[in-house]
N, C-alpha and C. Protein backbone atom coordinates (compact mmCIF):
# COMPACT_ATOMS: atom_id res chain seq x y z
N MET A 1 -17.95 137.22 -0.86
CA MET A 1 -17.71 135.85 -1.23
C MET A 1 -17.86 135.69 -2.75
N THR A 2 -17.04 134.86 -3.33
CA THR A 2 -17.03 134.64 -4.77
C THR A 2 -17.71 133.32 -5.11
N ASN A 3 -18.50 133.33 -6.17
CA ASN A 3 -19.07 132.09 -6.67
C ASN A 3 -17.99 131.32 -7.43
N ILE A 4 -17.93 130.01 -7.16
CA ILE A 4 -16.96 129.15 -7.82
C ILE A 4 -17.70 127.96 -8.39
N GLY A 5 -17.52 127.72 -9.69
CA GLY A 5 -18.18 126.56 -10.28
C GLY A 5 -18.15 126.58 -11.79
N LEU A 6 -19.12 125.87 -12.34
CA LEU A 6 -19.25 125.72 -13.78
C LEU A 6 -20.54 126.36 -14.24
N GLY A 7 -20.50 127.04 -15.38
CA GLY A 7 -21.72 127.60 -15.93
C GLY A 7 -21.57 129.02 -16.41
N CYS A 8 -22.71 129.63 -16.59
CA CYS A 8 -22.80 131.01 -17.07
C CYS A 8 -22.52 131.97 -15.91
N SER A 9 -21.60 132.89 -16.11
CA SER A 9 -21.26 133.82 -15.03
C SER A 9 -22.43 134.74 -14.69
N LYS A 10 -23.38 134.89 -15.60
CA LYS A 10 -24.58 135.70 -15.35
C LYS A 10 -25.77 134.79 -15.07
N PHE A 11 -25.57 133.83 -14.18
CA PHE A 11 -26.60 132.84 -13.89
C PHE A 11 -27.77 133.44 -13.10
N THR A 12 -28.95 132.88 -13.33
CA THR A 12 -30.14 133.18 -12.53
C THR A 12 -30.72 131.90 -11.94
N PHE A 13 -30.07 130.78 -12.23
CA PHE A 13 -30.50 129.47 -11.74
C PHE A 13 -29.25 128.73 -11.30
N ALA A 14 -29.09 128.56 -9.99
CA ALA A 14 -27.85 128.00 -9.45
C ALA A 14 -28.14 126.74 -8.64
N VAL A 15 -27.35 125.70 -8.90
CA VAL A 15 -27.40 124.46 -8.15
C VAL A 15 -26.06 124.32 -7.44
N TYR A 16 -26.12 123.93 -6.16
CA TYR A 16 -24.92 123.85 -5.32
C TYR A 16 -24.63 122.42 -4.93
N LEU A 17 -23.39 122.01 -5.15
CA LEU A 17 -22.91 120.68 -4.78
C LEU A 17 -21.69 120.84 -3.87
N ALA A 18 -21.47 119.84 -3.04
CA ALA A 18 -20.33 119.87 -2.13
C ALA A 18 -19.02 119.49 -2.82
N ASN A 19 -19.09 118.78 -3.93
CA ASN A 19 -17.88 118.27 -4.57
C ASN A 19 -17.75 118.72 -6.02
N THR A 20 -16.49 118.77 -6.48
CA THR A 20 -16.20 119.12 -7.87
C THR A 20 -15.89 117.85 -8.66
N PRO A 21 -16.00 117.93 -9.99
CA PRO A 21 -15.58 116.78 -10.78
C PRO A 21 -14.11 116.46 -10.51
N ASN A 22 -13.80 115.19 -10.40
CA ASN A 22 -12.43 114.77 -10.08
C ASN A 22 -11.56 114.77 -11.35
N MET A 23 -11.36 115.97 -11.86
CA MET A 23 -10.51 116.18 -13.03
C MET A 23 -9.58 117.36 -12.71
N LEU A 24 -8.35 117.24 -13.10
CA LEU A 24 -7.34 118.25 -12.77
C LEU A 24 -7.80 119.66 -13.13
N GLU A 25 -8.43 119.82 -14.30
CA GLU A 25 -8.79 121.17 -14.76
C GLU A 25 -9.86 121.86 -13.92
N TYR A 26 -10.53 121.11 -13.03
CA TYR A 26 -11.59 121.71 -12.21
C TYR A 26 -11.18 121.86 -10.75
N GLN A 27 -9.98 121.47 -10.38
CA GLN A 27 -9.58 121.50 -8.97
C GLN A 27 -9.22 122.89 -8.46
N ASP A 28 -8.73 123.75 -9.31
CA ASP A 28 -8.29 125.06 -8.86
C ASP A 28 -9.09 126.22 -9.46
N ILE A 29 -10.33 125.97 -9.85
CA ILE A 29 -11.11 127.08 -10.41
C ILE A 29 -11.43 128.07 -9.30
N SER A 30 -11.49 129.35 -9.68
CA SER A 30 -11.70 130.40 -8.68
C SER A 30 -12.83 131.34 -9.06
N SER A 31 -13.59 130.96 -10.08
CA SER A 31 -14.71 131.77 -10.53
C SER A 31 -15.73 130.83 -11.16
N VAL A 32 -16.70 131.39 -11.87
CA VAL A 32 -17.67 130.56 -12.59
C VAL A 32 -17.19 130.47 -14.04
N ASN A 33 -16.86 129.25 -14.46
CA ASN A 33 -16.32 129.01 -15.79
C ASN A 33 -17.36 128.33 -16.67
N SER A 34 -17.65 128.95 -17.80
CA SER A 34 -18.62 128.38 -18.74
C SER A 34 -18.06 127.13 -19.39
N LEU A 35 -18.92 126.15 -19.58
CA LEU A 35 -18.55 124.95 -20.32
C LEU A 35 -18.75 125.20 -21.81
N VAL A 36 -18.15 124.38 -22.62
CA VAL A 36 -18.34 124.45 -24.07
C VAL A 36 -19.05 123.17 -24.51
N SER A 37 -19.56 123.19 -25.71
CA SER A 37 -20.26 122.03 -26.24
C SER A 37 -19.38 120.79 -26.13
N GLY A 38 -19.93 119.71 -25.60
CA GLY A 38 -19.21 118.47 -25.45
C GLY A 38 -18.54 118.29 -24.09
N GLU A 39 -18.43 119.37 -23.32
CA GLU A 39 -17.72 119.27 -22.05
C GLU A 39 -18.52 118.52 -20.99
N VAL A 40 -19.85 118.67 -20.98
CA VAL A 40 -20.69 117.89 -20.05
C VAL A 40 -20.45 116.40 -20.29
N ASN A 41 -20.44 116.00 -21.55
CA ASN A 41 -20.19 114.60 -21.89
C ASN A 41 -18.79 114.16 -21.48
N ALA A 42 -17.82 115.02 -21.68
CA ALA A 42 -16.44 114.69 -21.32
C ALA A 42 -16.29 114.49 -19.81
N ILE A 43 -16.94 115.32 -19.02
CA ILE A 43 -16.89 115.17 -17.57
C ILE A 43 -17.55 113.84 -17.18
N GLY A 44 -18.69 113.55 -17.77
CA GLY A 44 -19.37 112.29 -17.50
C GLY A 44 -18.52 111.08 -17.86
N GLN A 45 -17.81 111.15 -18.98
CA GLN A 45 -16.94 110.06 -19.41
C GLN A 45 -15.76 109.89 -18.44
N ALA A 46 -15.18 111.00 -18.04
CA ALA A 46 -13.98 110.94 -17.20
C ALA A 46 -14.29 110.65 -15.73
N CYS A 47 -15.44 111.13 -15.26
CA CYS A 47 -15.72 111.06 -13.82
C CYS A 47 -16.78 110.03 -13.45
N GLY A 48 -17.41 109.42 -14.43
CA GLY A 48 -18.31 108.33 -14.13
C GLY A 48 -19.78 108.65 -14.08
N ASN A 49 -20.52 107.60 -13.75
CA ASN A 49 -21.97 107.64 -13.79
C ASN A 49 -22.56 108.68 -12.85
N GLY A 50 -21.95 108.91 -11.70
CA GLY A 50 -22.47 109.89 -10.76
C GLY A 50 -22.58 111.28 -11.36
N TRP A 51 -21.57 111.69 -12.10
CA TRP A 51 -21.61 113.00 -12.74
C TRP A 51 -22.58 113.03 -13.91
N ARG A 52 -22.68 111.94 -14.66
CA ARG A 52 -23.68 111.88 -15.73
C ARG A 52 -25.07 112.08 -15.14
N LYS A 53 -25.33 111.46 -13.99
CA LYS A 53 -26.64 111.60 -13.33
C LYS A 53 -26.89 113.04 -12.92
N VAL A 54 -25.87 113.71 -12.36
CA VAL A 54 -26.03 115.11 -11.96
C VAL A 54 -26.46 115.95 -13.15
N PHE A 55 -25.76 115.82 -14.27
CA PHE A 55 -26.08 116.62 -15.45
C PHE A 55 -27.45 116.24 -16.02
N ASN A 56 -27.76 114.95 -16.05
CA ASN A 56 -29.05 114.51 -16.57
C ASN A 56 -30.20 115.02 -15.71
N VAL A 57 -30.08 114.90 -14.41
CA VAL A 57 -31.15 115.37 -13.52
C VAL A 57 -31.28 116.89 -13.62
N TYR A 58 -30.17 117.60 -13.70
CA TYR A 58 -30.21 119.06 -13.85
C TYR A 58 -30.99 119.42 -15.12
N ALA A 59 -30.65 118.81 -16.22
CA ALA A 59 -31.33 119.10 -17.50
C ALA A 59 -32.80 118.69 -17.44
N LYS A 60 -33.10 117.54 -16.86
CA LYS A 60 -34.49 117.10 -16.75
C LYS A 60 -35.30 118.09 -15.92
N LEU A 61 -34.74 118.57 -14.81
CA LEU A 61 -35.42 119.56 -13.98
C LEU A 61 -35.72 120.82 -14.78
N LEU A 62 -34.72 121.36 -15.45
CA LEU A 62 -34.93 122.59 -16.23
C LEU A 62 -36.00 122.37 -17.29
N TYR A 63 -36.02 121.19 -17.84
CA TYR A 63 -36.94 120.89 -18.93
C TYR A 63 -38.39 120.73 -18.47
N VAL A 64 -38.60 120.31 -17.21
CA VAL A 64 -39.98 120.13 -16.73
C VAL A 64 -40.53 121.37 -16.03
N LEU A 65 -39.70 122.39 -15.85
CA LEU A 65 -40.18 123.61 -15.21
C LEU A 65 -41.31 124.22 -16.02
N ASN A 66 -42.24 124.84 -15.32
CA ASN A 66 -43.38 125.49 -15.97
C ASN A 66 -42.86 126.53 -16.97
N PRO A 67 -43.20 126.39 -18.26
CA PRO A 67 -42.69 127.33 -19.27
C PRO A 67 -43.21 128.75 -19.09
N THR A 68 -44.26 128.93 -18.32
CA THR A 68 -44.74 130.28 -18.02
C THR A 68 -43.76 131.00 -17.10
N ASP A 69 -43.07 130.23 -16.26
CA ASP A 69 -42.15 130.81 -15.28
C ASP A 69 -40.69 130.74 -15.71
N PHE A 70 -40.33 129.75 -16.53
CA PHE A 70 -38.95 129.51 -16.94
C PHE A 70 -38.93 129.15 -18.42
N ASP A 71 -37.92 129.63 -19.16
CA ASP A 71 -37.89 129.40 -20.61
C ASP A 71 -36.87 128.36 -21.06
N PHE A 72 -36.30 127.61 -20.15
CA PHE A 72 -35.24 126.66 -20.51
C PHE A 72 -35.68 125.65 -21.57
N ALA A 73 -36.87 125.08 -21.41
CA ALA A 73 -37.34 124.04 -22.33
C ALA A 73 -37.63 124.56 -23.73
N GLN A 74 -37.75 125.85 -23.88
CA GLN A 74 -38.03 126.42 -25.20
C GLN A 74 -36.79 126.47 -26.08
N ARG A 75 -35.64 126.18 -25.53
CA ARG A 75 -34.38 126.30 -26.28
C ARG A 75 -34.00 125.03 -27.04
N ALA A 76 -34.60 123.89 -26.68
CA ALA A 76 -34.25 122.62 -27.33
C ALA A 76 -35.45 121.69 -27.30
N PRO A 77 -35.57 120.79 -28.28
CA PRO A 77 -36.75 119.91 -28.35
C PRO A 77 -36.77 118.79 -27.30
N THR A 78 -35.64 118.46 -26.69
CA THR A 78 -35.60 117.42 -25.65
C THR A 78 -34.65 117.86 -24.54
N TRP A 79 -34.81 117.24 -23.36
CA TRP A 79 -33.90 117.60 -22.26
C TRP A 79 -32.48 117.16 -22.59
N GLN A 80 -32.32 116.08 -23.36
CA GLN A 80 -30.98 115.62 -23.73
C GLN A 80 -30.28 116.65 -24.62
N GLN A 81 -31.02 117.20 -25.57
CA GLN A 81 -30.43 118.22 -26.44
C GLN A 81 -30.15 119.50 -25.66
N TYR A 82 -31.03 119.83 -24.70
CA TYR A 82 -30.77 120.99 -23.85
C TYR A 82 -29.46 120.77 -23.08
N ARG A 83 -29.31 119.60 -22.46
CA ARG A 83 -28.10 119.27 -21.69
C ARG A 83 -26.86 119.44 -22.55
N ASP A 84 -26.88 118.91 -23.76
CA ASP A 84 -25.70 118.91 -24.62
C ASP A 84 -25.41 120.25 -25.27
N SER A 85 -26.45 121.06 -25.50
CA SER A 85 -26.26 122.30 -26.26
C SER A 85 -26.30 123.59 -25.43
N TYR A 86 -26.86 123.52 -24.21
CA TYR A 86 -27.04 124.76 -23.44
C TYR A 86 -26.59 124.70 -21.99
N LEU A 87 -26.82 123.58 -21.31
CA LEU A 87 -26.58 123.49 -19.87
C LEU A 87 -25.17 123.95 -19.49
N LEU A 88 -25.11 124.92 -18.60
CA LEU A 88 -23.85 125.43 -18.03
C LEU A 88 -22.96 126.13 -19.04
N GLN A 89 -23.50 126.48 -20.19
CA GLN A 89 -22.73 127.18 -21.20
C GLN A 89 -23.01 128.68 -21.14
N THR A 90 -22.17 129.47 -21.78
CA THR A 90 -22.36 130.92 -21.83
C THR A 90 -23.77 131.23 -22.34
N GLY A 91 -24.45 132.13 -21.65
CA GLY A 91 -25.79 132.55 -22.05
C GLY A 91 -26.91 131.65 -21.55
N SER A 92 -26.57 130.55 -20.88
CA SER A 92 -27.61 129.61 -20.41
C SER A 92 -28.31 130.09 -19.15
N ALA A 93 -27.71 131.00 -18.42
CA ALA A 93 -28.21 131.49 -17.13
C ALA A 93 -28.20 130.40 -16.05
N THR A 94 -27.49 129.29 -16.30
CA THR A 94 -27.42 128.19 -15.35
C THR A 94 -26.01 128.05 -14.80
N ALA A 95 -25.93 127.59 -13.53
CA ALA A 95 -24.62 127.37 -12.92
C ALA A 95 -24.69 126.16 -12.00
N LEU A 96 -23.55 125.50 -11.87
CA LEU A 96 -23.35 124.40 -10.93
C LEU A 96 -22.19 124.86 -10.05
N LEU A 97 -22.51 125.22 -8.81
CA LEU A 97 -21.52 125.89 -7.97
C LEU A 97 -21.02 124.99 -6.85
N PHE A 98 -19.75 125.15 -6.54
CA PHE A 98 -19.09 124.36 -5.50
C PHE A 98 -18.75 125.23 -4.29
N SER A 99 -19.17 126.47 -4.33
CA SER A 99 -19.00 127.41 -3.22
C SER A 99 -20.36 127.58 -2.54
N PRO A 100 -20.38 128.03 -1.29
CA PRO A 100 -21.67 128.24 -0.61
C PRO A 100 -22.50 129.31 -1.34
N PRO A 101 -23.82 129.22 -1.23
CA PRO A 101 -24.67 130.22 -1.88
C PRO A 101 -24.41 131.63 -1.36
N VAL A 102 -24.35 132.56 -2.28
CA VAL A 102 -24.31 133.98 -1.95
C VAL A 102 -25.73 134.48 -2.16
N LEU A 103 -26.44 134.64 -1.05
CA LEU A 103 -27.86 134.97 -1.13
C LEU A 103 -28.06 136.48 -1.09
N ASN A 104 -28.99 136.94 -1.91
CA ASN A 104 -29.37 138.34 -1.95
C ASN A 104 -30.85 138.35 -2.29
N ALA A 105 -31.68 138.71 -1.32
CA ALA A 105 -33.13 138.68 -1.52
C ALA A 105 -33.59 139.65 -2.61
N ASN A 106 -32.71 140.55 -3.04
CA ASN A 106 -33.09 141.52 -4.06
C ASN A 106 -32.87 141.02 -5.48
N THR A 107 -32.33 139.82 -5.64
CA THR A 107 -32.12 139.30 -6.99
C THR A 107 -33.21 138.27 -7.32
N GLN A 108 -33.31 137.94 -8.58
CA GLN A 108 -34.28 136.95 -9.04
C GLN A 108 -33.67 135.56 -9.16
N THR A 109 -32.46 135.37 -8.66
CA THR A 109 -31.77 134.09 -8.79
C THR A 109 -32.43 133.02 -7.95
N ILE A 110 -32.61 131.85 -8.56
CA ILE A 110 -33.09 130.65 -7.87
C ILE A 110 -31.85 129.89 -7.39
N HIS A 111 -31.88 129.44 -6.12
CA HIS A 111 -30.77 128.69 -5.53
C HIS A 111 -31.28 127.32 -5.10
N ILE A 112 -30.57 126.25 -5.48
CA ILE A 112 -30.93 124.90 -5.08
C ILE A 112 -29.69 124.23 -4.48
N ILE A 113 -29.81 123.85 -3.21
CA ILE A 113 -28.72 123.10 -2.57
C ILE A 113 -29.06 121.62 -2.67
N CYS A 114 -28.14 120.86 -3.23
CA CYS A 114 -28.34 119.41 -3.39
C CYS A 114 -27.90 118.68 -2.14
N GLY A 115 -28.88 118.13 -1.45
CA GLY A 115 -28.59 117.29 -0.31
C GLY A 115 -28.81 117.96 1.03
N ARG A 116 -29.60 117.32 1.87
CA ARG A 116 -29.89 117.81 3.21
C ARG A 116 -28.60 117.91 4.03
N THR A 117 -27.72 116.91 3.94
CA THR A 117 -26.48 116.91 4.73
C THR A 117 -25.61 118.11 4.36
N TYR A 118 -25.47 118.39 3.06
CA TYR A 118 -24.67 119.54 2.62
C TYR A 118 -25.28 120.83 3.15
N ALA A 119 -26.59 120.98 3.06
CA ALA A 119 -27.26 122.19 3.55
C ALA A 119 -27.04 122.36 5.05
N LYS A 120 -27.19 121.29 5.80
CA LYS A 120 -27.01 121.38 7.26
C LYS A 120 -25.56 121.68 7.61
N ASP A 121 -24.61 121.13 6.84
CA ASP A 121 -23.19 121.44 7.06
C ASP A 121 -22.91 122.92 6.82
N LEU A 122 -23.48 123.46 5.75
CA LEU A 122 -23.30 124.89 5.45
C LEU A 122 -23.87 125.76 6.56
N LEU A 123 -25.05 125.40 7.06
CA LEU A 123 -25.67 126.16 8.15
C LEU A 123 -24.82 126.08 9.42
N ALA A 124 -24.39 124.86 9.78
CA ALA A 124 -23.63 124.66 11.01
C ALA A 124 -22.28 125.38 10.99
N SER A 125 -21.67 125.47 9.81
CA SER A 125 -20.36 126.12 9.69
C SER A 125 -20.46 127.63 9.56
N GLY A 126 -21.69 128.15 9.45
CA GLY A 126 -21.87 129.59 9.29
C GLY A 126 -21.66 130.07 7.86
N LYS A 127 -21.51 129.14 6.91
CA LYS A 127 -21.30 129.52 5.51
C LYS A 127 -22.60 129.80 4.78
N LEU A 128 -23.72 129.54 5.46
CA LEU A 128 -25.04 129.81 4.89
C LEU A 128 -25.91 130.43 5.96
N GLU A 129 -26.46 131.59 5.64
CA GLU A 129 -27.42 132.23 6.53
C GLU A 129 -28.75 132.24 5.80
N ALA A 130 -29.62 131.35 6.24
CA ALA A 130 -30.92 131.22 5.59
C ALA A 130 -31.95 130.82 6.65
N ASN A 131 -33.18 131.13 6.35
CA ASN A 131 -34.29 130.75 7.22
C ASN A 131 -35.02 129.59 6.57
N LEU A 132 -34.42 128.43 6.63
CA LEU A 132 -35.00 127.26 5.98
C LEU A 132 -36.18 126.71 6.78
N VAL A 133 -37.25 126.45 6.08
CA VAL A 133 -38.40 125.77 6.65
C VAL A 133 -38.41 124.38 6.05
N TRP A 134 -38.23 123.36 6.90
CA TRP A 134 -38.19 121.98 6.42
C TRP A 134 -39.61 121.49 6.19
N ILE A 135 -39.90 121.16 4.95
CA ILE A 135 -41.22 120.66 4.56
C ILE A 135 -41.36 119.20 4.95
N ASP A 136 -40.27 118.45 4.81
CA ASP A 136 -40.20 117.05 5.20
C ASP A 136 -38.72 116.70 5.36
N ASP A 137 -38.37 115.43 5.38
CA ASP A 137 -36.97 115.03 5.57
C ASP A 137 -36.06 115.38 4.39
N GLU A 138 -36.65 115.69 3.22
CA GLU A 138 -35.85 115.89 2.01
C GLU A 138 -35.85 117.31 1.47
N PHE A 139 -36.92 118.05 1.69
CA PHE A 139 -37.07 119.37 1.08
C PHE A 139 -37.19 120.46 2.14
N ALA A 140 -36.50 121.57 1.89
CA ALA A 140 -36.62 122.76 2.72
C ALA A 140 -36.68 123.96 1.79
N ILE A 141 -37.23 125.05 2.30
CA ILE A 141 -37.37 126.24 1.47
C ILE A 141 -37.16 127.50 2.29
N ASP A 142 -36.57 128.50 1.66
CA ASP A 142 -36.45 129.85 2.20
C ASP A 142 -36.98 130.75 1.09
N VAL A 143 -38.24 131.13 1.22
CA VAL A 143 -38.92 131.88 0.16
C VAL A 143 -38.25 133.22 -0.09
N LYS A 144 -37.91 133.93 0.98
CA LYS A 144 -37.32 135.26 0.84
C LYS A 144 -36.05 135.23 -0.01
N ASN A 145 -35.21 134.23 0.20
CA ASN A 145 -33.94 134.13 -0.54
C ASN A 145 -34.03 133.25 -1.78
N ARG A 146 -35.23 132.78 -2.11
CA ARG A 146 -35.45 131.94 -3.29
C ARG A 146 -34.52 130.72 -3.28
N LEU A 147 -34.49 130.06 -2.13
CA LEU A 147 -33.60 128.94 -1.89
C LEU A 147 -34.40 127.68 -1.57
N VAL A 148 -34.01 126.58 -2.19
CA VAL A 148 -34.62 125.28 -1.91
C VAL A 148 -33.51 124.28 -1.64
N VAL A 149 -33.73 123.42 -0.66
CA VAL A 149 -32.87 122.27 -0.43
C VAL A 149 -33.64 121.07 -0.92
N CYS A 150 -32.99 120.22 -1.71
CA CYS A 150 -33.65 119.04 -2.26
C CYS A 150 -32.69 117.86 -2.20
N PRO A 151 -33.18 116.66 -2.48
CA PRO A 151 -32.27 115.51 -2.55
C PRO A 151 -31.19 115.74 -3.61
N TYR A 152 -30.09 115.04 -3.44
CA TYR A 152 -28.97 115.09 -4.38
C TYR A 152 -29.45 114.75 -5.80
N PHE A 153 -28.84 115.34 -6.80
CA PHE A 153 -29.22 115.11 -8.20
C PHE A 153 -28.77 113.71 -8.64
N ASP A 154 -29.55 112.72 -8.29
CA ASP A 154 -29.32 111.32 -8.61
C ASP A 154 -30.70 110.71 -8.82
N TYR A 155 -30.82 109.78 -9.75
CA TYR A 155 -32.13 109.22 -10.09
C TYR A 155 -32.84 108.59 -8.91
N ARG A 156 -32.10 107.94 -8.02
CA ARG A 156 -32.73 107.28 -6.88
C ARG A 156 -33.15 108.29 -5.82
N GLN A 157 -32.33 109.30 -5.61
CA GLN A 157 -32.64 110.29 -4.57
C GLN A 157 -33.64 111.34 -5.05
N LEU A 158 -33.48 111.79 -6.30
CA LEU A 158 -34.39 112.78 -6.86
C LEU A 158 -35.06 112.15 -8.08
N SER A 159 -36.06 111.32 -7.81
CA SER A 159 -36.79 110.61 -8.84
C SER A 159 -37.61 111.59 -9.69
N ASN A 160 -38.19 111.10 -10.77
CA ASN A 160 -39.02 111.96 -11.62
C ASN A 160 -40.16 112.59 -10.84
N ILE A 161 -40.77 111.85 -9.92
CA ILE A 161 -41.87 112.41 -9.11
C ILE A 161 -41.35 113.55 -8.24
N LYS A 162 -40.17 113.37 -7.67
CA LYS A 162 -39.59 114.43 -6.84
C LYS A 162 -39.12 115.61 -7.68
N ILE A 163 -38.67 115.35 -8.91
CA ILE A 163 -38.32 116.45 -9.82
C ILE A 163 -39.57 117.29 -10.10
N GLU A 164 -40.70 116.64 -10.33
CA GLU A 164 -41.97 117.37 -10.54
C GLU A 164 -42.31 118.21 -9.31
N ARG A 165 -42.15 117.62 -8.14
CA ARG A 165 -42.44 118.34 -6.89
C ARG A 165 -41.54 119.56 -6.75
N LEU A 166 -40.26 119.39 -7.03
CA LEU A 166 -39.31 120.50 -6.98
C LEU A 166 -39.69 121.58 -7.99
N SER A 167 -40.13 121.17 -9.15
CA SER A 167 -40.56 122.11 -10.19
C SER A 167 -41.69 123.00 -9.69
N VAL A 168 -42.66 122.41 -9.02
CA VAL A 168 -43.79 123.17 -8.48
C VAL A 168 -43.29 124.15 -7.41
N MET A 169 -42.38 123.70 -6.57
CA MET A 169 -41.82 124.58 -5.54
C MET A 169 -41.10 125.78 -6.17
N LEU A 170 -40.35 125.54 -7.24
CA LEU A 170 -39.61 126.61 -7.89
C LEU A 170 -40.55 127.61 -8.56
N SER A 171 -41.63 127.13 -9.17
CA SER A 171 -42.63 128.04 -9.73
C SER A 171 -43.25 128.88 -8.63
N GLY A 172 -43.45 128.27 -7.45
CA GLY A 172 -43.97 129.02 -6.31
C GLY A 172 -43.05 130.15 -5.90
N LEU A 173 -41.74 129.94 -5.98
CA LEU A 173 -40.79 131.00 -5.66
C LEU A 173 -40.89 132.15 -6.66
N VAL A 174 -41.07 131.81 -7.92
CA VAL A 174 -41.20 132.84 -8.97
C VAL A 174 -42.48 133.63 -8.74
N LEU A 175 -43.57 132.94 -8.47
CA LEU A 175 -44.85 133.61 -8.24
C LEU A 175 -44.79 134.47 -6.99
N ASP A 176 -44.17 133.96 -5.93
CA ASP A 176 -44.07 134.71 -4.68
C ASP A 176 -43.29 136.01 -4.86
N SER A 177 -42.24 135.98 -5.66
CA SER A 177 -41.41 137.17 -5.86
C SER A 177 -42.07 138.21 -6.75
N SER A 178 -43.08 137.78 -7.52
CA SER A 178 -43.73 138.74 -8.41
C SER A 178 -44.86 139.49 -7.71
N ASN A 179 -45.17 139.10 -6.48
CA ASN A 179 -46.24 139.78 -5.72
C ASN A 179 -45.70 140.98 -5.00
């Protein structure tokens, strides 16, 4: 299976969404395509507030991750500058994928599926083979595959408190894999 989406082709941090930006240039992508400076903003302008929220929440999450476990926040002084200068660009190690996760327990890649409904659809269709343990109605985890299911990247669904909670879960995955 091929990864399809936006970001660094050598990603180690992948977020999965069910939908692509509603722009002609993103409808027929067949691989992981790096964005260039200004493209996150252009997608937000063309596709609306929902996509701006996805990029903002993604950048905020990367920025609050424990710096002992992840180095994203060390690249820019604010999450906004990180979003504009690094997120989903070549060398960022980040990806926003529209294809099902390709899981390999032997890699160090972190996988985050946005939305319980999307995760359950992937499982039901056989496009995802994972041993998810549901922590509550919103979060699930598969430690072996370094996979987390969380609320959709939207301020109301994934609030700052929930971003912090997700951050702790992701650090737990890093610590678990180092044992």
